[in-house]
Amino acid sequence: MEYNERLARFRQGHVNPFDRREIDSNTEGKDPPKHEVRSEIFSSESKTQRSDRAMDLGLAEDHFSQPVGSFVASDVDQLKQAIAECKRLILELPEHSEKQKDTVIKLIHLRLKLQELKDPEEDEPNLQVLLEHRFAKEKSKSVKQMCDKCSTIIWGLIQTWYTCTGCYYRCHSKCMNLINKPCVRSKVSHQSEYELSICPEVGLDKQDYRCAECRTPISLRGVPNEARQCDYTGQYYCSSCHWNDTAIIPSRVIHNWEFEPRKVCRTSMRYLALMISRPVLKLKEINPLLFNFVEELVEIRKLRQDILLMKPYFITCKEAMEARLLLHLQDRQHFVENDDMYSLQDLIDTSSGRLSCSLTEIHTTFAKHIKLDCETCQAKGFMCELCKEGDILFPFDNHTSVCHDCFAVFHRDCYYDNSTTCPHCARMLERQHEESQNP
């Protein structure tokens, strides 16, 4: 096998660089050694020594020198000589000894240096656009990641890799041209709605016994590839497209109030992660009975309705605008726009109790400003025109009722006990009648 091919395979994670069968290309036809020399760079033993070696990789000059000797490999001929000496020493040194492992590490870097001198690569761009992905080159070298294309480890120390800024798809630079999956964020932009059927399975035969995404042959027996079901789509995927990631399924939350994470494919995992904060669930239409069984949702709905009644006070109050009170809900902007749309994150936080606590605190802050702190907002309160008694009333008070026509506020008991029409509406009708009589 040519070295260029082995290096490419190694950079993609397909070749074990420490396999003694890869050390000498002239050993073809011979029986390979029984043992492999494995690297200590990413192992769990000898942490202190390993850390020292890993931190020096590619930085110290002695990585490009002869293991035993003093000359510096500064050109192709010297590098070839150092590589030959390294291979000879690896075969002679005791198996799994520290000297042998250090020599293997030096051999890797000598070969990489030789490859750079013989076939220098152009600088790879920092940003690439492909299938609506916006790939940014990663600078981190120590973080261990997996390539979403070839499902192998990305060795940040010696491999260039990219991450999509939209859907966080990661891959080797060598795998870029093999990508056939479009960016999931584009799907979120064009199709902002959930699958609301619980695991809508159609069966492997409907999929022609192929992965729903890459069309690789699959079967439940694992031959030639294991079929893994995505609980969100109900379809089956191969092990390259389905890594057994888990996520909370929206349909199970809405219909069963169930929040147990289920196994999903990679595409579904990214889609659900990008959609989790989007207010696309109208519970009153999807499952109105949910409010009968989940008391927390009733409480949240009442708090949201009160906040919508408070909003007109803030947008006409100079002090409230300067204090930027509505920014308390900047993470849930839909709460100041309507009271019936929910995001999946809203429902998750409702189940855990976090949303009720935070929304109650915000409700208290808003009410304090209107009723106690701000004279301008206090002046916009109402007196009950039915009993003409009591304190100033506000539409978000628990003991009040609001006229649906003119939005005047009354005591709840007075409003429902009164058999006549709303006094404010009556005056408005009388005024309109007078104006029509005397144009």
Protein backbone atom coordinates (compact mmCIF):
# COMPACT_ATOMS: atom_id res chain seq x y z
CA MET A 1 0.00 0.00 0.00
CA GLU A 2 1.32 3.48 -0.92
CA TYR A 3 2.10 5.79 1.99
CA ASN A 4 -0.19 8.54 0.68
CA GLU A 5 -3.15 6.16 0.83
CA ARG A 6 -2.25 5.01 4.35
CA LEU A 7 -1.88 8.61 5.52
CA ALA A 8 -5.26 9.55 4.07
CA ARG A 9 -6.87 6.56 5.75
CA PHE A 10 -5.17 7.38 9.02
CA ARG A 11 -6.36 10.99 8.94
CA GLN A 12 -9.93 9.72 8.48
CA GLY A 13 -9.52 7.27 11.34
CA HIS A 14 -9.55 4.12 9.19
CA VAL A 15 -5.98 2.99 9.92
CA ASN A 16 -4.28 2.22 13.21
CA PRO A 17 -1.01 4.20 12.90
CA PHE A 18 0.65 2.02 15.51
CA ASP A 19 0.05 -1.32 13.78
CA ARG A 20 3.44 -2.93 13.15
CA ARG A 21 2.15 -4.26 9.86
CA GLU A 22 2.12 -0.62 8.63
CA ILE A 23 5.68 0.13 9.73
CA ASP A 24 7.57 -1.49 6.89
CA SER A 25 6.05 -1.70 3.42
CA ASN A 26 8.67 -4.29 2.47
CA THR A 27 7.21 -6.95 4.80
CA GLU A 28 4.46 -8.01 2.38
CA GLY A 29 4.16 -11.76 2.05
CA LYS A 30 5.45 -12.33 5.57
CA ASP A 31 3.35 -13.33 8.53
CA PRO A 32 2.44 -10.22 10.51
CA PRO A 33 3.54 -10.04 14.15
CA LYS A 34 1.02 -11.32 16.68
CA HIS A 35 0.91 -8.14 18.75
CA GLU A 36 0.26 -4.51 17.95
CA VAL A 37 2.08 -1.54 19.38
CA ARG A 38 -0.58 0.80 20.62
CA SER A 39 -0.17 4.50 21.31
CA GLU A 40 -0.13 5.95 24.80
CA ILE A 41 -1.34 9.35 23.57
CA PHE A 42 -5.04 8.61 24.12
CA SER A 43 -4.82 5.68 26.56
CA SER A 44 -5.73 5.81 30.25
CA GLU A 45 -2.32 4.69 31.59
CA SER A 46 0.78 6.68 32.49
CA LYS A 47 -1.09 10.01 32.49
CA THR A 48 1.88 12.17 33.41
CA GLN A 49 4.18 10.77 30.75
CA ARG A 50 1.37 10.75 28.18
CA SER A 51 0.48 14.38 28.88
CA ASP A 52 4.09 15.47 28.40
CA ARG A 53 4.34 13.66 25.08
CA ALA A 54 0.98 14.93 23.80
CA MET A 55 1.79 18.56 24.66
CA ASP A 56 5.10 18.39 22.78
CA LEU A 57 3.74 16.85 19.60
CA GLY A 58 4.76 18.93 16.62
CA LEU A 59 6.47 21.56 18.79
CA ALA A 60 9.86 20.13 19.71
CA GLU A 61 12.63 19.79 17.14
CA ASP A 62 13.64 16.33 18.39
CA HIS A 63 10.45 14.89 16.88
CA PHE A 64 12.14 15.32 13.52
CA SER A 65 15.48 13.92 14.57
CA GLN A 66 16.99 10.48 14.57
CA PRO A 67 15.92 8.52 17.69
CA VAL A 68 19.52 7.61 18.45
CA GLY A 69 21.90 10.29 17.20
CA SER A 70 22.20 14.03 16.97
CA PHE A 71 21.56 15.09 13.35
CA VAL A 72 18.50 17.24 12.50
CA ALA A 73 16.24 16.06 9.70
CA SER A 74 15.91 19.24 7.67
CA ASP A 75 15.36 17.88 4.16
CA VAL A 76 13.79 14.93 2.39
CA ASP A 77 16.90 12.74 2.41
CA GLN A 78 17.50 13.21 6.11
CA LEU A 79 13.82 12.56 6.85
CA LYS A 80 13.93 9.30 4.89
CA GLN A 81 17.05 8.28 6.80
CA ALA A 82 15.41 9.08 10.14
CA ILE A 83 12.28 7.15 9.15
CA ALA A 84 14.35 4.10 8.22
CA GLU A 85 16.21 4.27 11.51
CA CYS A 86 12.91 4.60 13.43
CA LYS A 87 11.43 1.54 11.72
CA ARG A 88 14.56 -0.48 12.48
CA LEU A 89 14.52 0.53 16.13
CA ILE A 90 10.79 -0.20 16.54
CA LEU A 91 11.33 -3.77 15.35
CA GLU A 92 14.33 -4.22 17.67
CA LEU A 93 13.04 -2.59 20.87
CA PRO A 94 11.07 -4.68 23.41
CA GLU A 95 7.34 -4.95 22.82
CA HIS A 96 5.21 -2.29 24.59
CA SER A 97 8.26 -0.61 26.12
CA GLU A 98 8.25 3.15 26.69
CA LYS A 99 11.17 3.59 24.29
CA GLN A 100 9.32 1.74 21.57
CA LYS A 101 6.18 3.84 22.09
CA ASP A 102 8.18 7.08 21.98
CA THR A 103 9.85 5.90 18.78
CA VAL A 104 6.48 5.10 17.18
CA ILE A 105 5.27 8.63 17.96
CA LYS A 106 8.42 10.07 16.39
CA LEU A 107 7.91 7.88 13.33
CA ILE A 108 4.40 9.26 12.82
CA HIS A 109 5.59 12.85 12.89
CA LEU A 110 8.55 12.12 10.66
CA ARG A 111 6.19 10.63 8.08
CA LEU A 112 3.81 13.58 8.35
CA LYS A 113 6.72 15.98 7.90
CA LEU A 114 7.96 14.05 4.89
CA GLN A 115 4.48 14.07 3.35
CA GLU A 116 4.28 17.85 3.78
CA LEU A 117 7.63 18.31 2.04
CA LYS A 118 6.79 15.95 -0.82
CA ASP A 119 3.17 16.96 -1.36
CA PRO A 120 2.40 20.24 0.44
CA GLU A 121 -1.31 20.95 0.82
CA GLU A 122 -2.84 24.31 0.12
CA ASP A 123 -4.21 26.22 3.07
CA GLU A 124 -7.78 25.07 3.59
CA PRO A 125 -10.40 27.83 3.77
CA ASN A 126 -11.81 28.87 7.12
CA LEU A 127 -15.38 28.79 5.79
CA GLN A 128 -16.98 26.46 3.25
CA VAL A 129 -20.60 26.36 2.04
CA LEU A 130 -21.98 22.98 0.96
CA LEU A 131 -25.62 21.76 0.73
CA GLU A 132 -26.71 24.83 2.74
CA HIS A 133 -24.18 23.95 5.45
CA ARG A 134 -21.86 26.76 6.53
CA PHE A 135 -18.75 24.89 7.63
CA ALA A 136 -16.26 26.74 9.82
CA LYS A 137 -12.80 25.34 10.38
CA GLU A 138 -12.26 24.29 13.98
CA LYS A 139 -9.20 25.46 15.88
CA SER A 140 -9.55 23.21 18.90
CA LYS A 141 -6.99 20.40 18.87
CA SER A 142 -7.66 18.63 22.14
CA VAL A 143 -11.45 18.11 22.04
CA LYS A 144 -12.41 14.56 21.05
CA GLN A 145 -15.18 14.52 18.44
CA MET A 146 -16.73 12.03 16.03
CA CYS A 147 -17.06 12.62 12.30
CA ASP A 148 -20.72 12.58 11.28
CA LYS A 149 -19.85 11.31 7.82
CA CYS A 150 -17.47 8.40 8.43
CA SER A 151 -18.41 7.79 12.10
CA THR A 152 -14.77 7.71 13.21
CA ILE A 153 -12.81 9.79 15.70
CA ILE A 154 -11.51 13.19 14.67
CA TRP A 155 -7.90 13.44 15.83
CA GLY A 156 -7.65 17.18 16.30
CA LEU A 157 -3.87 17.11 16.76
CA ILE A 158 -3.19 16.01 13.21
CA GLN A 159 -6.50 16.29 11.32
CA THR A 160 -8.37 19.32 10.02
CA TRP A 161 -12.08 19.32 10.75
CA TYR A 162 -15.12 21.52 10.26
CA THR A 163 -18.38 22.23 12.11
CA CYS A 164 -21.55 23.58 10.50
CA THR A 165 -22.53 26.80 12.28
CA GLY A 166 -26.21 26.06 11.60
CA CYS A 167 -26.78 22.43 12.60
CA TYR A 168 -23.40 21.56 14.23
CA TYR A 169 -22.65 18.77 11.74
CA ARG A 170 -18.98 17.79 12.23
CA CYS A 171 -16.68 16.10 9.76
CA HIS A 172 -13.08 15.66 8.64
CA SER A 173 -11.91 18.00 5.91
CA LYS A 174 -11.28 14.86 3.83
CA CYS A 175 -14.97 13.89 4.20
CA MET A 176 -16.33 17.22 2.99
CA ASN A 177 -16.77 16.13 -0.62
CA LEU A 178 -18.63 12.97 0.46
CA ILE A 179 -21.41 14.75 2.39
CA ASN A 180 -24.89 14.21 0.98
CA LYS A 181 -27.04 15.43 3.90
CA PRO A 182 -28.34 19.02 3.64
CA CYS A 183 -28.20 21.33 6.64
CA VAL A 184 -31.02 20.61 9.10
CA ARG A 185 -31.41 24.31 9.85
CA SER A 186 -32.76 24.80 6.32
CA LYS A 187 -35.47 22.25 7.11
CA VAL A 188 -36.30 24.16 10.30
CA SER A 189 -36.63 27.36 8.27
CA HIS A 190 -38.85 25.77 5.62
CA GLN A 191 -40.81 23.31 7.76
CA SER A 192 -41.27 24.61 11.30
CA GLU A 193 -43.70 21.97 12.49
CA TYR A 194 -43.40 18.70 14.36
CA GLU A 195 -44.45 15.20 13.47
CA LEU A 196 -47.35 14.82 15.92
CA SER A 197 -48.02 11.09 15.46
CA ILE A 198 -46.33 8.83 17.99
CA CYS A 199 -43.60 6.82 16.23
CA PRO A 200 -45.38 6.53 12.84
CA GLU A 201 -43.75 3.27 11.76
CA VAL A 202 -44.25 2.10 8.18
CA GLY A 203 -42.07 -1.02 8.30
CA LEU A 204 -38.77 -2.07 6.78
CA ASP A 205 -40.45 -3.54 3.72
CA LYS A 206 -41.86 -0.10 2.84
CA GLN A 207 -38.29 1.19 3.01
CA ASP A 208 -37.11 -1.60 0.70
CA TYR A 209 -34.90 -2.79 3.58
CA ARG A 210 -32.70 0.26 3.17
CA CYS A 211 -31.72 3.12 5.45
CA ALA A 212 -34.30 5.90 5.22
CA GLU A 213 -31.53 8.45 4.76
CA CYS A 214 -28.48 7.03 2.96
CA ARG A 215 -30.22 3.99 1.41
CA THR A 216 -27.68 1.51 2.81
CA PRO A 217 -29.06 -2.07 2.98
CA ILE A 218 -30.19 -2.86 6.57
CA SER A 219 -32.02 -5.60 8.43
CA LEU A 220 -33.26 -6.33 11.94
CA ARG A 221 -30.76 -9.20 12.15
CA GLY A 222 -27.87 -6.80 11.68
CA VAL A 223 -26.79 -8.24 8.32
CA PRO A 224 -25.30 -6.45 6.42
CA ASN A 225 -26.07 -3.49 8.70
CA GLU A 226 -28.18 -3.13 11.84
CA ALA A 227 -31.57 -1.47 11.40
CA ARG A 228 -32.18 1.14 14.13
CA GLN A 229 -35.56 2.80 14.55
CA CYS A 230 -35.95 6.53 15.14
CA ASP A 231 -38.75 7.13 17.63
CA TYR A 232 -39.50 10.55 16.12
CA THR A 233 -39.90 9.61 12.45
CA GLY A 234 -40.73 5.93 12.99
CA GLN A 235 -38.34 5.00 10.18
CA TYR A 236 -35.29 2.73 10.26
CA TYR A 237 -31.70 3.85 9.76
CA CYS A 238 -28.24 2.33 9.51
CA SER A 239 -25.67 2.66 12.28
CA SER A 240 -23.92 5.50 10.43
CA CYS A 241 -27.10 7.61 10.38
CA HIS A 242 -28.40 6.50 13.81
CA TRP A 243 -25.96 6.63 16.75
CA ASN A 244 -28.54 5.78 19.42
CA ASP A 245 -28.77 9.42 20.50
CA THR A 246 -31.79 10.23 22.65
CA ALA A 247 -34.23 13.14 22.66
CA ILE A 248 -37.61 14.09 24.12
CA ILE A 249 -40.33 13.38 21.53
CA PRO A 250 -42.91 16.20 21.05
CA SER A 251 -45.80 13.88 20.13
CA ARG A 252 -45.34 11.83 23.33
CA VAL A 253 -45.31 15.04 25.39
CA ILE A 254 -48.47 16.46 23.81
CA HIS A 255 -50.54 13.28 23.83
CA ASN A 256 -49.20 11.44 26.90
CA TRP A 257 -47.36 14.15 28.88
CA GLU A 258 -44.33 11.83 28.69
CA PHE A 259 -40.82 13.26 28.84
CA GLU A 260 -38.65 10.14 28.75
CA PRO A 261 -35.91 10.55 26.08
CA ARG A 262 -36.15 8.08 23.21
CA LYS A 263 -33.63 6.92 20.62
CA VAL A 264 -33.54 9.03 17.47
CA CYS A 265 -31.39 9.26 14.37
CA ARG A 266 -28.75 11.98 13.97
CA THR A 267 -30.90 14.14 11.68
CA SER A 268 -33.89 13.98 14.03
CA MET A 269 -31.66 14.78 17.01
CA ARG A 270 -30.39 17.95 15.33
CA TYR A 271 -33.86 18.93 14.10
CA LEU A 272 -35.39 18.56 17.58
CA ALA A 273 -32.50 20.48 19.14
CA LEU A 274 -33.00 23.40 16.74
CA MET A 275 -36.79 23.34 17.14
CA ILE A 276 -36.95 23.01 20.92
CA SER A 277 -37.36 26.76 21.58
CA ARG A 278 -39.68 27.54 18.68
CA PRO A 279 -43.32 28.27 19.70
CA VAL A 280 -45.08 26.07 17.15
CA LEU A 281 -47.39 24.04 19.41
CA LYS A 282 -50.96 25.32 19.69
CA LEU A 283 -52.18 23.08 22.49
CA LYS A 284 -55.80 24.25 22.39
CA GLU A 285 -56.09 22.82 18.88
CA ILE A 286 -53.75 19.81 19.12
CA ASN A 287 -54.93 18.43 22.46
CA PRO A 288 -57.25 20.73 24.43
CA LEU A 289 -57.97 17.99 27.00
CA LEU A 290 -54.38 18.30 28.22
CA PHE A 291 -55.42 21.32 30.33
CA ASN A 292 -57.91 19.12 32.18
CA PHE A 293 -55.21 16.74 33.36
CA VAL A 294 -52.17 19.01 33.86
CA GLU A 295 -52.83 21.65 36.51
CA GLU A 296 -49.51 23.34 35.86
CA LEU A 297 -50.61 24.22 32.33
CA VAL A 298 -53.71 25.97 33.67
CA GLU A 299 -51.55 28.06 36.00
CA ILE A 300 -49.14 28.94 33.20
CA ARG A 301 -52.01 29.95 30.91
CA LYS A 302 -53.44 32.30 33.57
CA LEU A 303 -50.04 33.93 34.16
CA ARG A 304 -49.57 34.42 30.42
CA GLN A 305 -53.02 35.99 30.08
CA ASP A 306 -52.21 38.41 32.92
CA ILE A 307 -48.91 39.37 31.29
CA LEU A 308 -50.74 40.18 28.04
CA LEU A 309 -53.06 42.47 30.04
CA MET A 310 -50.03 44.17 31.60
CA LYS A 311 -48.30 44.75 28.27
CA PRO A 312 -50.35 47.87 27.26
CA TYR A 313 -49.27 49.57 30.50
CA PHE A 314 -45.58 49.05 29.71
CA ILE A 315 -45.59 50.14 26.08
CA THR A 316 -47.15 53.50 27.08
CA CYS A 317 -45.09 54.04 30.25
CA LYS A 318 -41.82 55.94 29.97
CA GLU A 319 -40.42 54.49 33.18
CA ALA A 320 -41.22 50.95 32.11
CA MET A 321 -39.59 51.52 28.74
CA GLU A 322 -36.46 52.91 30.38
CA ALA A 323 -36.36 49.99 32.82
CA ARG A 324 -36.88 47.59 29.86
CA LEU A 325 -39.23 45.47 31.92
CA LEU A 326 -40.43 43.40 28.99
CA LEU A 327 -36.87 42.12 28.51
CA HIS A 328 -37.53 39.81 31.46
CA LEU A 329 -39.25 37.67 28.83
CA GLN A 330 -36.70 38.02 26.06
CA ASP A 331 -36.04 34.25 26.09
CA ARG A 332 -39.77 33.60 25.61
CA GLN A 333 -40.79 36.44 23.35
CA HIS A 334 -44.01 34.67 22.36
CA PHE A 335 -45.31 35.15 25.91
CA VAL A 336 -45.87 38.86 25.19
CA GLU A 337 -47.51 38.12 21.83
CA ASN A 338 -50.11 35.43 22.58
CA ASP A 339 -51.22 32.99 25.28
CA ASP A 340 -51.83 29.82 23.27
CA MET A 341 -48.55 29.00 21.48
CA TYR A 342 -45.97 26.87 23.29
CA SER A 343 -42.50 25.60 22.51
CA LEU A 344 -41.32 22.14 23.48
CA GLN A 345 -38.96 23.80 25.97
CA ASP A 346 -41.96 25.54 27.58
CA LEU A 347 -43.62 22.18 28.18
CA ILE A 348 -40.41 20.62 29.51
CA ASP A 349 -39.95 23.53 31.93
CA THR A 350 -43.61 23.33 32.92
CA SER A 351 -43.24 19.67 33.83
CA SER A 352 -40.13 20.36 35.93
CA GLY A 353 -41.69 23.38 37.69
CA ARG A 354 -39.07 25.84 36.47
CA LEU A 355 -41.42 27.78 34.22
CA SER A 356 -44.03 28.31 36.94
CA CYS A 357 -41.43 29.70 39.35
CA SER A 358 -39.80 32.05 36.85
CA LEU A 359 -43.11 33.27 35.39
CA THR A 360 -44.60 33.91 38.84
CA GLU A 361 -41.56 36.01 39.74
CA ILE A 362 -41.87 38.04 36.53
CA HIS A 363 -45.62 38.47 37.10
CA THR A 364 -44.93 39.84 40.61
CA THR A 365 -42.34 42.30 39.26
CA PHE A 366 -44.72 43.57 36.58
CA ALA A 367 -47.67 43.93 38.98
CA LYS A 368 -45.50 45.78 41.53
CA HIS A 369 -44.50 48.36 38.92
CA ILE A 370 -48.08 49.00 37.79
CA LYS A 371 -49.82 49.03 41.18
CA LEU A 372 -47.15 50.43 43.52
CA ASP A 373 -44.07 51.95 41.86
CA CYS A 374 -45.42 53.95 38.92
CA GLU A 375 -47.95 56.77 39.36
CA THR A 376 -48.61 56.91 35.60
CA CYS A 377 -49.67 53.26 35.52
CA GLN A 378 -51.69 53.63 38.73
CA ALA A 379 -53.68 56.42 37.11
CA LYS A 380 -54.82 53.94 34.40
CA GLY A 381 -56.67 51.82 36.94
CA PHE A 382 -60.46 51.43 37.13
CA MET A 383 -63.17 52.08 39.68
CA CYS A 384 -66.03 49.59 39.74
CA GLU A 385 -68.96 51.54 38.24
CA LEU A 386 -71.45 48.99 39.52
CA CYS A 387 -70.80 49.30 43.24
CA LYS A 388 -68.65 52.45 43.16
CA GLU A 389 -66.69 51.14 46.14
CA GLY A 390 -63.36 49.53 46.86
CA ASP A 391 -59.81 50.06 45.69
CA ILE A 392 -58.51 50.81 42.22
CA LEU A 393 -58.96 47.79 39.97
CA PHE A 394 -56.71 46.40 37.26
CA PRO A 395 -57.68 43.82 34.61
CA PHE A 396 -55.10 41.29 35.82
CA ASP A 397 -56.40 41.21 39.40
CA ASN A 398 -57.83 37.85 40.44
CA HIS A 399 -61.11 39.29 41.80
CA THR A 400 -62.01 41.33 38.72
CA SER A 401 -63.86 40.79 35.46
CA VAL A 402 -63.36 42.66 32.18
CA CYS A 403 -66.06 43.72 29.73
CA HIS A 404 -65.36 42.02 26.39
CA ASP A 405 -66.58 45.05 24.41
CA CYS A 406 -65.08 48.10 26.10
CA PHE A 407 -62.54 46.39 28.42
CA ALA A 408 -63.84 48.23 31.48
CA VAL A 409 -62.97 46.50 34.77
CA PHE A 410 -65.44 45.58 37.55
CA HIS A 411 -65.51 43.49 40.66
CA ARG A 412 -66.21 39.95 39.58
CA ASP A 413 -69.15 39.55 41.94
CA CYS A 414 -70.67 42.86 40.86
CA TYR A 415 -70.29 42.10 37.19
CA TYR A 416 -71.99 38.70 37.29
CA ASP A 417 -74.71 39.83 39.71
CA ASN A 418 -75.59 42.83 37.58
CA SER A 419 -78.49 42.10 35.24
CA THR A 420 -78.08 45.30 33.21
CA THR A 421 -75.52 46.01 30.53
CA CYS A 422 -72.07 47.43 31.17
CA PRO A 423 -72.47 51.10 32.28
CA HIS A 424 -69.51 52.17 30.15
CA CYS A 425 -70.93 50.49 27.06
CA ALA A 426 -74.34 52.07 27.77
CA ARG A 427 -72.83 55.57 27.88
CA MET A 428 -70.97 54.99 24.64
CA LEU A 429 -74.16 53.84 22.89
CA GLU A 430 -76.05 56.86 24.20
CA ARG A 431 -73.34 59.22 23.01
CA GLN A 432 -73.32 57.64 19.56
CA HIS A 433 -77.12 57.95 19.39
CA GLU A 434 -76.96 61.65 20.31
CA GLU A 435 -74.31 62.32 17.69
CA SER A 436 -76.42 60.60 15.05
CA GLN A 437 -79.45 62.73 16.01
CA ASN A 438 -77.48 65.98 16.02
CA PRO A 439 -74.95 65.74 13.18
